[in-house]
PDB file of N, CA and C in Angstrom:
ATOM      1  N   MET A   1      72.299  41.801  42.278  1.00  0.00           N
ATOM      2  CA  MET A   1      72.423  40.456  42.784  1.00  0.00           C
ATOM      3  C   MET A   1      73.772  39.850  42.384  1.00  0.00           C
ATOM      4  N   ALA A   2      74.238  40.162  41.177  1.00  0.00           N
ATOM      5  CA  ALA A   2      75.534  39.642  40.748  1.00  0.00           C
ATOM      6  C   ALA A   2      76.651  40.182  41.628  1.00  0.00           C
ATOM      7  N   ALA A   3      76.517  41.410  42.085  1.00  0.00           N
ATOM      8  CA  ALA A   3      77.524  41.970  42.981  1.00  0.00           C
ATOM      9  C   ALA A   3      77.522  41.246  44.322  1.00  0.00           C
ATOM     10  N   GLU A   4      76.352  40.784  44.749  1.00  0.00           N
ATOM     11  CA  GLU A   4      76.266  40.049  46.012  1.00  0.00           C
ATOM     12  C   GLU A   4      76.825  38.636  45.865  1.00  0.00           C
ATOM     13  N   LEU A   5      76.654  38.007  44.701  1.00  0.00           N
ATOM     14  CA  LEU A   5      77.131  36.638  44.487  1.00  0.00           C
ATOM     15  C   LEU A   5      78.644  36.560  44.397  1.00  0.00           C
ATOM     16  N   LYS A   6      79.255  37.542  43.740  1.00  0.00           N
ATOM     17  CA  LYS A   6      80.706  37.576  43.523  1.00  0.00           C
ATOM     18  C   LYS A   6      81.180  36.262  42.897  1.00  0.00           C
ATOM     19  N   ASP A   7      82.277  35.711  43.372  1.00  0.00           N
ATOM     20  CA  ASP A   7      82.819  34.487  42.785  1.00  0.00           C
ATOM     21  C   ASP A   7      82.365  33.226  43.507  1.00  0.00           C
ATOM     22  N   GLN A   8      81.830  33.355  44.707  1.00  0.00           N
ATOM     23  CA  GLN A   8      81.463  32.173  45.471  1.00  0.00           C
ATOM     24  C   GLN A   8      80.160  31.541  45.002  1.00  0.00           C
ATOM     25  N   GLY A   9      79.248  32.326  44.464  1.00  0.00           N
ATOM     26  CA  GLY A   9      77.967  31.797  44.031  1.00  0.00           C
ATOM     27  C   GLY A   9      76.992  31.568  45.168  1.00  0.00           C
ATOM     28  N   THR A  10      77.240  32.139  46.338  1.00  0.00           N
ATOM     29  CA  THR A  10      76.332  31.987  47.470  1.00  0.00           C
ATOM     30  C   THR A  10      75.965  33.367  48.003  1.00  0.00           C
ATOM     31  N   VAL A  11      74.830  33.442  48.658  1.00  0.00           N
ATOM     32  CA  VAL A  11      74.394  34.692  49.276  1.00  0.00           C
ATOM     33  C   VAL A  11      74.069  34.401  50.744  1.00  0.00           C
ATOM     34  N   THR A  12      73.979  35.461  51.509  1.00  0.00           N
ATOM     35  CA  THR A  12      73.624  35.294  52.919  1.00  0.00           C
ATOM     36  C   THR A  12      72.141  34.966  53.049  1.00  0.00           C
ATOM     37  N   LYS A  13      71.762  34.418  54.185  1.00  0.00           N
ATOM     38  CA  LYS A  13      70.368  34.059  54.416  1.00  0.00           C
ATOM     39  C   LYS A  13      69.477  35.294  54.413  1.00  0.00           C
ATOM     40  N   GLY A  14      69.954  36.389  54.979  1.00  0.00           N
ATOM     41  CA  GLY A  14      69.177  37.633  54.991  1.00  0.00           C
ATOM     42  C   GLY A  14      68.912  38.152  53.589  1.00  0.00           C
ATOM     43  N   TYR A  15      69.936  38.086  52.727  1.00  0.00           N
ATOM     44  CA  TYR A  15      69.765  38.539  51.353  1.00  0.00           C
ATOM     45  C   TYR A  15      68.794  37.627  50.604  1.00  0.00           C
ATOM     46  N   ALA A  16      68.909  36.314  50.801  1.00  0.00           N
ATOM     47  CA  ALA A  16      67.994  35.371  50.145  1.00  0.00           C
ATOM     48  C   ALA A  16      66.565  35.588  50.621  1.00  0.00           C
ATOM     49  N   ASP A  17      66.379  35.845  51.906  1.00  0.00           N
ATOM     50  CA  ASP A  17      65.038  36.113  52.424  1.00  0.00           C
ATOM     51  C   ASP A  17      64.453  37.389  51.833  1.00  0.00           C
ATOM     52  N   SER A  18      65.281  38.415  51.689  1.00  0.00           N
ATOM     53  CA  SER A  18      64.781  39.669  51.113  1.00  0.00           C
ATOM     54  C   SER A  18      64.405  39.491  49.646  1.00  0.00           C
ATOM     55  N   VAL A  19      65.165  38.696  48.906  1.00  0.00           N
ATOM     56  CA  VAL A  19      64.803  38.420  47.513  1.00  0.00           C
ATOM     57  C   VAL A  19      63.482  37.660  47.452  1.00  0.00           C
ATOM     58  N   MET A  20      63.283  36.711  48.353  1.00  0.00           N
ATOM     59  CA  MET A  20      62.034  35.952  48.397  1.00  0.00           C
ATOM     60  C   MET A  20      60.843  36.857  48.704  1.00  0.00           C
ATOM     61  N   VAL A  21      61.016  37.793  49.639  1.00  0.00           N
ATOM     62  CA  VAL A  21      59.939  38.730  49.975  1.00  0.00           C
ATOM     63  C   VAL A  21      59.615  39.603  48.773  1.00  0.00           C
ATOM     64  N   LEU A  22      60.625  40.080  48.059  1.00  0.00           N
ATOM     65  CA  LEU A  22      60.380  40.908  46.879  1.00  0.00           C
ATOM     66  C   LEU A  22      59.664  40.132  45.779  1.00  0.00           C
ATOM     67  N   ILE A  23      60.001  38.871  45.602  1.00  0.00           N
ATOM     68  CA  ILE A  23      59.302  38.049  44.610  1.00  0.00           C
ATOM     69  C   ILE A  23      57.840  37.883  45.008  1.00  0.00           C
ATOM     70  N   CYS A  24      57.579  37.647  46.282  1.00  0.00           N
ATOM     71  CA  CYS A  24      56.193  37.499  46.760  1.00  0.00           C
ATOM     72  C   CYS A  24      55.404  38.795  46.571  1.00  0.00           C
ATOM     73  N   VAL A  25      56.022  39.944  46.827  1.00  0.00           N
ATOM     74  CA  VAL A  25      55.360  41.231  46.613  1.00  0.00           C
ATOM     75  C   VAL A  25      55.033  41.419  45.134  1.00  0.00           C
ATOM     76  N   TYR A  26      55.971  41.060  44.262  1.00  0.00           N
ATOM     77  CA  TYR A  26      55.743  41.188  42.815  1.00  0.00           C
ATOM     78  C   TYR A  26      54.582  40.304  42.367  1.00  0.00           C
ATOM     79  N   VAL A  27      54.574  39.045  42.785  1.00  0.00           N
ATOM     80  CA  VAL A  27      53.514  38.117  42.386  1.00  0.00           C
ATOM     81  C   VAL A  27      52.168  38.572  42.948  1.00  0.00           C
ATOM     82  N   SER A  28      52.153  39.044  44.179  1.00  0.00           N
ATOM     83  CA  SER A  28      50.907  39.548  44.760  1.00  0.00           C
ATOM     84  C   SER A  28      50.392  40.767  44.000  1.00  0.00           C
ATOM     85  N   GLY A  29      51.295  41.662  43.637  1.00  0.00           N
ATOM     86  CA  GLY A  29      50.897  42.831  42.859  1.00  0.00           C
ATOM     87  C   GLY A  29      50.324  42.456  41.505  1.00  0.00           C
ATOM     88  N   PHE A  30      50.930  41.478  40.854  1.00  0.00           N
ATOM     89  CA  PHE A  30      50.401  41.021  39.569  1.00  0.00           C
ATOM     90  C   PHE A  30      49.038  40.369  39.750  1.00  0.00           C
ATOM     91  N   GLY A  31      48.899  39.544  40.784  1.00  0.00           N
ATOM     92  CA  GLY A  31      47.638  38.856  41.021  1.00  0.00           C
ATOM     93  C   GLY A  31      46.499  39.801  41.348  1.00  0.00           C
ATOM     94  N   LEU A  32      46.814  40.936  41.959  1.00  0.00           N
ATOM     95  CA  LEU A  32      45.778  41.901  42.309  1.00  0.00           C
ATOM     96  C   LEU A  32      45.514  42.922  41.212  1.00  0.00           C
ATOM     97  N   SER A  33      46.377  43.009  40.200  1.00  0.00           N
ATOM     98  CA  SER A  33      46.182  44.022  39.156  1.00  0.00           C
ATOM     99  C   SER A  33      45.919  43.384  37.795  1.00  0.00           C
ATOM    100  N   TRP A  34      46.939  42.915  37.111  1.00  0.00           N
ATOM    101  CA  TRP A  34      46.786  42.399  35.753  1.00  0.00           C
ATOM    102  C   TRP A  34      46.356  40.937  35.690  1.00  0.00           C
ATOM    103  N   GLY A  35      46.590  40.167  36.721  1.00  0.00           N
ATOM    104  CA  GLY A  35      46.312  38.739  36.703  1.00  0.00           C
ATOM    105  C   GLY A  35      44.891  38.349  36.346  1.00  0.00           C
ATOM    106  N   PRO A  36      43.868  38.962  36.957  1.00  0.00           N
ATOM    107  CA  PRO A  36      42.492  38.546  36.677  1.00  0.00           C
ATOM    108  C   PRO A  36      41.946  39.024  35.338  1.00  0.00           C
ATOM    109  N   LEU A  37      42.690  39.835  34.603  1.00  0.00           N
ATOM    110  CA  LEU A  37      42.154  40.380  33.356  1.00  0.00           C
ATOM    111  C   LEU A  37      41.879  39.306  32.310  1.00  0.00           C
ATOM    112  N   GLY A  38      42.602  38.188  32.366  1.00  0.00           N
ATOM    113  CA  GLY A  38      42.323  37.104  31.431  1.00  0.00           C
ATOM    114  C   GLY A  38      40.938  36.517  31.609  1.00  0.00           C
ATOM    115  N   TRP A  39      40.382  36.648  32.797  1.00  0.00           N
ATOM    116  CA  TRP A  39      39.029  36.163  33.075  1.00  0.00           C
ATOM    117  C   TRP A  39      38.010  37.293  32.979  1.00  0.00           C
ATOM    118  N   LEU A  40      38.401  38.499  33.325  1.00  0.00           N
ATOM    119  CA  LEU A  40      37.480  39.615  33.368  1.00  0.00           C
ATOM    120  C   LEU A  40      37.125  40.149  31.983  1.00  0.00           C
ATOM    121  N   VAL A  41      38.116  40.328  31.133  1.00  0.00           N
ATOM    122  CA  VAL A  41      37.879  40.933  29.826  1.00  0.00           C
ATOM    123  C   VAL A  41      36.934  40.092  28.965  1.00  0.00           C
ATOM    124  N   PRO A  42      37.133  38.786  28.811  1.00  0.00           N
ATOM    125  CA  PRO A  42      36.173  38.030  27.993  1.00  0.00           C
ATOM    126  C   PRO A  42      34.749  38.058  28.550  1.00  0.00           C
ATOM    127  N   SER A  43      34.609  38.174  29.861  1.00  0.00           N
ATOM    128  CA  SER A  43      33.265  38.205  30.423  1.00  0.00           C
ATOM    129  C   SER A  43      32.570  39.540  30.191  1.00  0.00           C
ATOM    130  N   GLN A  44      33.316  40.578  29.827  1.00  0.00           N
ATOM    131  CA  GLN A  44      32.719  41.897  29.637  1.00  0.00           C
ATOM    132  C   GLN A  44      32.605  42.319  28.176  1.00  0.00           C
ATOM    133  N   ILE A  45      33.482  41.849  27.294  1.00  0.00           N
ATOM    134  CA  ILE A  45      33.472  42.390  25.936  1.00  0.00           C
ATOM    135  C   ILE A  45      32.621  41.586  24.958  1.00  0.00           C
ATOM    136  N   PHE A  46      32.295  40.349  25.299  1.00  0.00           N
ATOM    137  CA  PHE A  46      31.526  39.539  24.363  1.00  0.00           C
ATOM    138  C   PHE A  46      30.030  39.668  24.646  1.00  0.00           C
ATOM    139  N   PRO A  47      29.214  39.567  23.582  1.00  0.00           N
ATOM    140  CA  PRO A  47      27.762  39.618  23.794  1.00  0.00           C
ATOM    141  C   PRO A  47      27.280  38.430  24.614  1.00  0.00           C
ATOM    142  N   MET A  48      26.117  38.572  25.181  1.00  0.00           N
ATOM    143  CA  MET A  48      25.570  37.551  26.067  1.00  0.00           C
ATOM    144  C   MET A  48      25.422  36.200  25.367  1.00  0.00           C
ATOM    145  N   GLU A  49      25.169  36.191  24.067  1.00  0.00           N
ATOM    146  CA  GLU A  49      24.953  34.939  23.338  1.00  0.00           C
ATOM    147  C   GLU A  49      26.199  34.061  23.284  1.00  0.00           C
ATOM    148  N   ILE A  50      27.373  34.669  23.235  1.00  0.00           N
ATOM    149  CA  ILE A  50      28.605  33.879  23.110  1.00  0.00           C
ATOM    150  C   ILE A  50      29.527  34.037  24.320  1.00  0.00           C
ATOM    151  N   ARG A  51      29.047  34.686  25.363  1.00  0.00           N
ATOM    152  CA  ARG A  51      29.888  34.937  26.538  1.00  0.00           C
ATOM    153  C   ARG A  51      30.357  33.637  27.187  1.00  0.00           C
ATOM    154  N   SER A  52      29.496  32.665  27.303  1.00  0.00           N
ATOM    155  CA  SER A  52      29.899  31.403  27.934  1.00  0.00           C
ATOM    156  C   SER A  52      30.922  30.665  27.073  1.00  0.00           C
ATOM    157  N   ASP A  53      30.779  30.750  25.736  1.00  0.00           N
ATOM    158  CA  ASP A  53      31.776  30.137  24.859  1.00  0.00           C
ATOM    159  C   ASP A  53      33.132  30.817  25.000  1.00  0.00           C
ATOM    160  N   ALA A  54      33.118  32.151  25.110  1.00  0.00           N
ATOM    161  CA  ALA A  54      34.376  32.888  25.267  1.00  0.00           C
ATOM    162  C   ALA A  54      35.050  32.528  26.589  1.00  0.00           C
ATOM    163  N   GLN A  55      34.275  32.386  27.650  1.00  0.00           N
ATOM    164  CA  GLN A  55      34.842  31.979  28.930  1.00  0.00           C
ATOM    165  C   GLN A  55      35.375  30.550  28.861  1.00  0.00           C
ATOM    166  N   SER A  56      34.715  29.692  28.091  1.00  0.00           N
ATOM    167  CA  SER A  56      35.200  28.319  27.921  1.00  0.00           C
ATOM    168  C   SER A  56      36.542  28.306  27.202  1.00  0.00           C
ATOM    169  N   ILE A  57      36.683  29.144  26.189  1.00  0.00           N
ATOM    170  CA  ILE A  57      37.958  29.235  25.470  1.00  0.00           C
ATOM    171  C   ILE A  57      39.043  29.771  26.402  1.00  0.00           C
ATOM    172  N   THR A  58      38.700  30.749  27.217  1.00  0.00           N
ATOM    173  CA  THR A  58      39.663  31.286  28.179  1.00  0.00           C
ATOM    174  C   THR A  58      40.124  30.201  29.148  1.00  0.00           C
ATOM    175  N   ALA A  59      39.185  29.424  29.667  1.00  0.00           N
ATOM    176  CA  ALA A  59      39.543  28.354  30.594  1.00  0.00           C
ATOM    177  C   ALA A  59      40.369  27.281  29.893  1.00  0.00           C
ATOM    178  N   ALA A  60      40.013  26.957  28.645  1.00  0.00           N
ATOM    179  CA  ALA A  60      40.770  25.942  27.903  1.00  0.00           C
ATOM    180  C   ALA A  60      42.202  26.409  27.668  1.00  0.00           C
ATOM    181  N   LEU A  61      42.383  27.684  27.318  1.00  0.00           N
ATOM    182  CA  LEU A  61      43.740  28.211  27.122  1.00  0.00           C
ATOM    183  C   LEU A  61      44.532  28.199  28.428  1.00  0.00           C
ATOM    184  N   PHE A  62      43.868  28.503  29.524  1.00  0.00           N
ATOM    185  CA  PHE A  62      44.533  28.469  30.827  1.00  0.00           C
ATOM    186  C   PHE A  62      45.058  27.066  31.118  1.00  0.00           C
ATOM    187  N   PHE A  63      44.210  26.055  30.930  1.00  0.00           N
ATOM    188  CA  PHE A  63      44.634  24.685  31.200  1.00  0.00           C
ATOM    189  C   PHE A  63      45.642  24.180  30.167  1.00  0.00           C
ATOM    190  N   PHE A  64      45.547  24.662  28.926  1.00  0.00           N
ATOM    191  CA  PHE A  64      46.525  24.290  27.905  1.00  0.00           C
ATOM    192  C   PHE A  64      47.913  24.785  28.290  1.00  0.00           C
ATOM    193  N   PHE A  65      48.018  26.064  28.641  1.00  0.00           N
ATOM    194  CA  PHE A  65      49.321  26.609  29.018  1.00  0.00           C
ATOM    195  C   PHE A  65      49.801  26.013  30.343  1.00  0.00           C
ATOM    196  N   GLY A  66      48.881  25.749  31.250  1.00  0.00           N
ATOM    197  CA  GLY A  66      49.258  25.106  32.504  1.00  0.00           C
ATOM    198  C   GLY A  66      49.821  23.712  32.288  1.00  0.00           C
ATOM    199  N   SER A  67      49.227  22.967  31.352  1.00  0.00           N
ATOM    200  CA  SER A  67      49.750  21.625  31.066  1.00  0.00           C
ATOM    201  C   SER A  67      51.117  21.703  30.403  1.00  0.00           C
ATOM    202  N   TRP A  68      51.354  22.724  29.577  1.00  0.00           N
ATOM    203  CA  TRP A  68      52.684  22.884  28.983  1.00  0.00           C
ATOM    204  C   TRP A  68      53.720  23.246  30.036  1.00  0.00           C
ATOM    205  N   VAL A  69      53.354  24.065  30.995  1.00  0.00           N
ATOM    206  CA  VAL A  69      54.280  24.381  32.087  1.00  0.00           C
ATOM    207  C   VAL A  69      54.619  23.114  32.864  1.00  0.00           C
ATOM    208  N   PHE A  70      53.623  22.273  33.121  1.00  0.00           N
ATOM    209  CA  PHE A  70      53.866  21.015  33.820  1.00  0.00           C
ATOM    210  C   PHE A  70      54.773  20.101  32.994  1.00  0.00           C
ATOM    211  N   ALA A  71      54.522  20.005  31.680  1.00  0.00           N
ATOM    212  CA  ALA A  71      55.338  19.150  30.813  1.00  0.00           C
ATOM    213  C   ALA A  71      56.788  19.637  30.772  1.00  0.00           C
ATOM    214  N   MET A  72      56.990  20.934  30.667  1.00  0.00           N
ATOM    215  CA  MET A  72      58.349  21.467  30.625  1.00  0.00           C
ATOM    216  C   MET A  72      59.058  21.319  31.966  1.00  0.00           C
ATOM    217  N   THR A  73      58.315  21.411  33.068  1.00  0.00           N
ATOM    218  CA  THR A  73      58.907  21.177  34.377  1.00  0.00           C
ATOM    219  C   THR A  73      59.388  19.741  34.497  1.00  0.00           C
ATOM    220  N   CYS A  74      58.573  18.796  34.023  1.00  0.00           N
ATOM    221  CA  CYS A  74      58.985  17.383  34.045  1.00  0.00           C
ATOM    222  C   CYS A  74      60.202  17.160  33.152  1.00  0.00           C
ATOM    223  N   PHE A  75      60.237  17.811  31.989  1.00  0.00           N
ATOM    224  CA  PHE A  75      61.379  17.677  31.084  1.00  0.00           C
ATOM    225  C   PHE A  75      62.656  18.161  31.760  1.00  0.00           C
ATOM    226  N   VAL A  76      62.599  19.325  32.363  1.00  0.00           N
ATOM    227  CA  VAL A  76      63.790  19.870  33.020  1.00  0.00           C
ATOM    228  C   VAL A  76      64.218  18.972  34.175  1.00  0.00           C
ATOM    229  N   TYR A  77      63.282  18.468  34.946  1.00  0.00           N
ATOM    230  CA  TYR A  77      63.613  17.643  36.103  1.00  0.00           C
ATOM    231  C   TYR A  77      64.254  16.323  35.684  1.00  0.00           C
ATOM    232  N   TYR A  78      63.715  15.681  34.653  1.00  0.00           N
ATOM    233  CA  TYR A  78      64.192  14.347  34.286  1.00  0.00           C
ATOM    234  C   TYR A  78      65.314  14.341  33.239  1.00  0.00           C
ATOM    235  N   PHE A  79      65.389  15.336  32.368  1.00  0.00           N
ATOM    236  CA  PHE A  79      66.321  15.265  31.249  1.00  0.00           C
ATOM    237  C   PHE A  79      67.502  16.214  31.331  1.00  0.00           C
ATOM    238  N   LEU A  80      67.509  17.168  32.236  1.00  0.00           N
ATOM    239  CA  LEU A  80      68.645  18.081  32.344  1.00  0.00           C
ATOM    240  C   LEU A  80      69.367  17.839  33.664  1.00  0.00           C
ATOM    241  N   PRO A  81      70.617  17.404  33.624  1.00  0.00           N
ATOM    242  CA  PRO A  81      71.336  17.109  34.868  1.00  0.00           C
ATOM    243  C   PRO A  81      71.727  18.386  35.608  1.00  0.00           C
ATOM    244  N   GLU A  82      71.895  18.244  36.907  1.00  0.00           N
ATOM    245  CA  GLU A  82      72.327  19.371  37.733  1.00  0.00           C
ATOM    246  C   GLU A  82      73.794  19.669  37.453  1.00  0.00           C
ATOM    247  N   THR A  83      74.108  20.932  37.191  1.00  0.00           N
ATOM    248  CA  THR A  83      75.480  21.316  36.860  1.00  0.00           C
ATOM    249  C   THR A  83      76.034  22.349  37.841  1.00  0.00           C
ATOM    250  N   LYS A  84      75.387  22.497  38.972  1.00  0.00           N
ATOM    251  CA  LYS A  84      75.859  23.467  39.963  1.00  0.00           C
ATOM    252  C   LYS A  84      77.195  23.008  40.537  1.00  0.00           C
ATOM    253  N   ASN A  85      78.140  23.936  40.627  1.00  0.00           N
ATOM    254  CA  ASN A  85      79.484  23.710  41.168  1.00  0.00           C
ATOM    255  C   ASN A  85      80.278  22.665  40.387  1.00  0.00           C
ATOM    256  N   ILE A  86      79.923  22.426  39.140  1.00  0.00           N
ATOM    257  CA  ILE A  86      80.672  21.512  38.282  1.00  0.00           C
ATOM    258  C   ILE A  86      81.550  22.364  37.363  1.00  0.00           C
ATOM    259  N   PRO A  87      82.857  22.152  37.354  1.00  0.00           N
ATOM    260  CA  PRO A  87      83.702  22.941  36.460  1.00  0.00           C
ATOM    261  C   PRO A  87      83.403  22.625  34.997  1.00  0.00           C
ATOM    262  N   PHE A  88      83.663  23.582  34.162  1.00  0.00           N
ATOM    263  CA  PHE A  88      83.387  23.448  32.737  1.00  0.00           C
ATOM    264  C   PHE A  88      84.128  22.259  32.129  1.00  0.00           C
ATOM    265  N   GLU A  89      85.313  21.983  32.620  1.00  0.00           N
ATOM    266  CA  GLU A  89      86.108  20.884  32.083  1.00  0.00           C
ATOM    267  C   GLU A  89      85.478  19.521  32.361  1.00  0.00           C
ATOM    268  N   LYS A  90      84.686  19.397  33.396  1.00  0.00           N
ATOM    269  CA  LYS A  90      84.049  18.131  33.772  1.00  0.00           C
ATOM    270  C   LYS A  90      82.625  17.989  33.215  1.00  0.00           C
ATOM    271  N   MET A  91      82.171  18.970  32.470  1.00  0.00           N
ATOM    272  CA  MET A  91      80.791  18.975  32.004  1.00  0.00           C
ATOM    273  C   MET A  91      80.478  17.791  31.090  1.00  0.00           C
ATOM    274  N   GLU A  92      81.426  17.390  30.272  1.00  0.00           N
ATOM    275  CA  GLU A  92      81.188  16.265  29.361  1.00  0.00           C
ATOM    276  C   GLU A  92      80.951  14.968  30.142  1.00  0.00           C
ATOM    277  N   LEU A  93      81.620  14.808  31.250  1.00  0.00           N
ATOM    278  CA  LEU A  93      81.408  13.614  32.074  1.00  0.00           C
ATOM    279  C   LEU A  93      80.003  13.588  32.675  1.00  0.00           C
ATOM    280  N   ILE A  94      79.489  14.755  33.029  1.00  0.00           N
ATOM    281  CA  ILE A  94      78.126  14.835  33.558  1.00  0.00           C
ATOM    282  C   ILE A  94      77.130  14.374  32.498  1.00  0.00           C
ATOM    283  N   TRP A  95      77.346  14.803  31.251  1.00  0.00           N
ATOM    284  CA  TRP A  95      76.430  14.399  30.181  1.00  0.00           C
ATOM    285  C   TRP A  95      76.545  12.906  29.907  1.00  0.00           C
ATOM    286  N   ARG A  96      77.735  12.366  30.013  1.00  0.00           N
ATOM    287  CA  ARG A  96      77.919  10.923  29.759  1.00  0.00           C
ATOM    288  C   ARG A  96      77.283  10.064  30.844  1.00  0.00           C
ATOM    289  N   GLU A  97      77.269  10.527  32.072  1.00  0.00           N
ATOM    290  CA  GLU A  97      76.725   9.753  33.177  1.00  0.00           C
ATOM    291  C   GLU A  97      75.219   9.900  33.328  1.00  0.00           C
ATOM    292  N   HIS A  98      74.610  10.774  32.543  1.00  0.00           N
ATOM    293  CA  HIS A  98      73.172  10.979  32.630  1.00  0.00           C
ATOM    294  C   HIS A  98      72.440   9.740  32.140  1.00  0.00           C
ATOM    295  N   TRP A  99      71.310   9.424  32.754  1.00  0.00           N
ATOM    296  CA  TRP A  99      70.597   8.178  32.453  1.00  0.00           C
ATOM    297  C   TRP A  99      70.075   8.128  31.021  1.00  0.00           C
ATOM    298  N   TYR A 100      69.710   9.258  30.429  1.00  0.00           N
ATOM    299  CA  TYR A 100      69.183   9.251  29.063  1.00  0.00           C
ATOM    300  C   TYR A 100      70.186   9.835  28.071  1.00  0.00           C
ATOM    301  N   LEU A 101      70.754  10.969  28.395  1.00  0.00           N
ATOM    302  CA  LEU A 101      71.650  11.652  27.465  1.00  0.00           C
ATOM    303  C   LEU A 101      72.972  10.929  27.294  1.00  0.00           C
ATOM    304  N   GLY A 102      73.302  10.022  28.200  1.00  0.00           N
ATOM    305  CA  GLY A 102      74.520   9.228  28.056  1.00  0.00           C
ATOM    306  C   GLY A 102      74.505   8.352  26.814  1.00  0.00           C
ATOM    307  N   ARG A 103      73.323   8.007  26.305  1.00  0.00           N
ATOM    308  CA  ARG A 103      73.218   7.224  25.070  1.00  0.00           C
ATOM    309  C   ARG A 103      73.525   8.042  23.831  1.00  0.00           C
ATOM    310  N   ILE A 104      73.382   9.356  23.940  1.00  0.00           N
ATOM    311  CA  ILE A 104      73.565  10.236  22.785  1.00  0.00           C
ATOM    312  C   ILE A 104      74.996  10.749  22.703  1.00  0.00           C
ATOM    313  N   VAL A 105      75.594  11.059  23.847  1.00  0.00           N
ATOM    314  CA  VAL A 105      76.944  11.614  23.892  1.00  0.00           C
ATOM    315  C   VAL A 105      77.944  10.521  23.533  1.00  0.00           C
ATOM    316  N   SER A 106      78.928  10.885  22.725  1.00  0.00           N
ATOM    317  CA  SER A 106      79.950   9.937  22.304  1.00  0.00           C
ATOM    318  C   SER A 106      80.804   9.494  23.477  1.00  0.00           C
ATOM    319  N   HIS A 107      81.093   8.195  23.549  1.00  0.00           N
ATOM    320  CA  HIS A 107      81.923   7.658  24.630  1.00  0.00           C
ATOM    321  C   HIS A 107      83.368   7.426  24.186  1.00  0.00           C
ATOM    322  N   ASP A 108      83.682   7.761  22.959  1.00  0.00           N
ATOM    323  CA  ASP A 108      85.012   7.451  22.420  1.00  0.00           C
ATOM    324  C   ASP A 108      86.057   8.480  22.814  1.00  0.00           C
ATOM    325  N   GLU A 109      85.734   9.743  22.673  1.00  0.00           N
ATOM    326  CA  GLU A 109      86.740  10.780  22.877  1.00  0.00           C
ATOM    327  C   GLU A 109      86.441  11.569  24.134  1.00  0.00           C
ATOM    328  N   ILE A 110      87.484  11.858  24.875  1.00  0.00           N
ATOM    329  CA  ILE A 110      87.372  12.736  26.042  1.00  0.00           C
ATOM    330  C   ILE A 110      88.280  13.929  25.786  1.00  0.00           C
ATOM    331  N   TYR A 111      87.688  15.122  25.825  1.00  0.00           N
ATOM    332  CA  TYR A 111      88.450  16.344  25.606  1.00  0.00           C
ATOM    333  C   TYR A 111      88.758  16.962  26.951  1.00  0.00           C
ATOM    334  N   LEU A 112      90.020  16.934  27.333  1.00  0.00           N
ATOM    335  CA  LEU A 112      90.419  17.551  28.612  1.00  0.00           C
ATOM    336  C   LEU A 112      91.322  18.711  28.371  1.00  0.00           C
TER     337      LEU A 112
END
């Protein structure tokens, strides 16, 4: 992929579509093979007396990790500015203009 990007940082639509298809094939393969094991294994290895508790713990862990993924997605969306096509020399200005991080970055010195 790096050879396809070269210095421009863009790829053709055909190449992007093929990467998307490969990602979908990978996710489908995981979902049909290893994905359900988090639900299947606890339902088979625990005795009948505690099987429902084990499934409850599995579901709780699923929702716990899912909520962390949601929290981190919100963090990235709101707290990390977009830096695509921004030269390294201008990066400090991006941090200064950010709605939250601008309070933390020093406004006194500009390094050019």
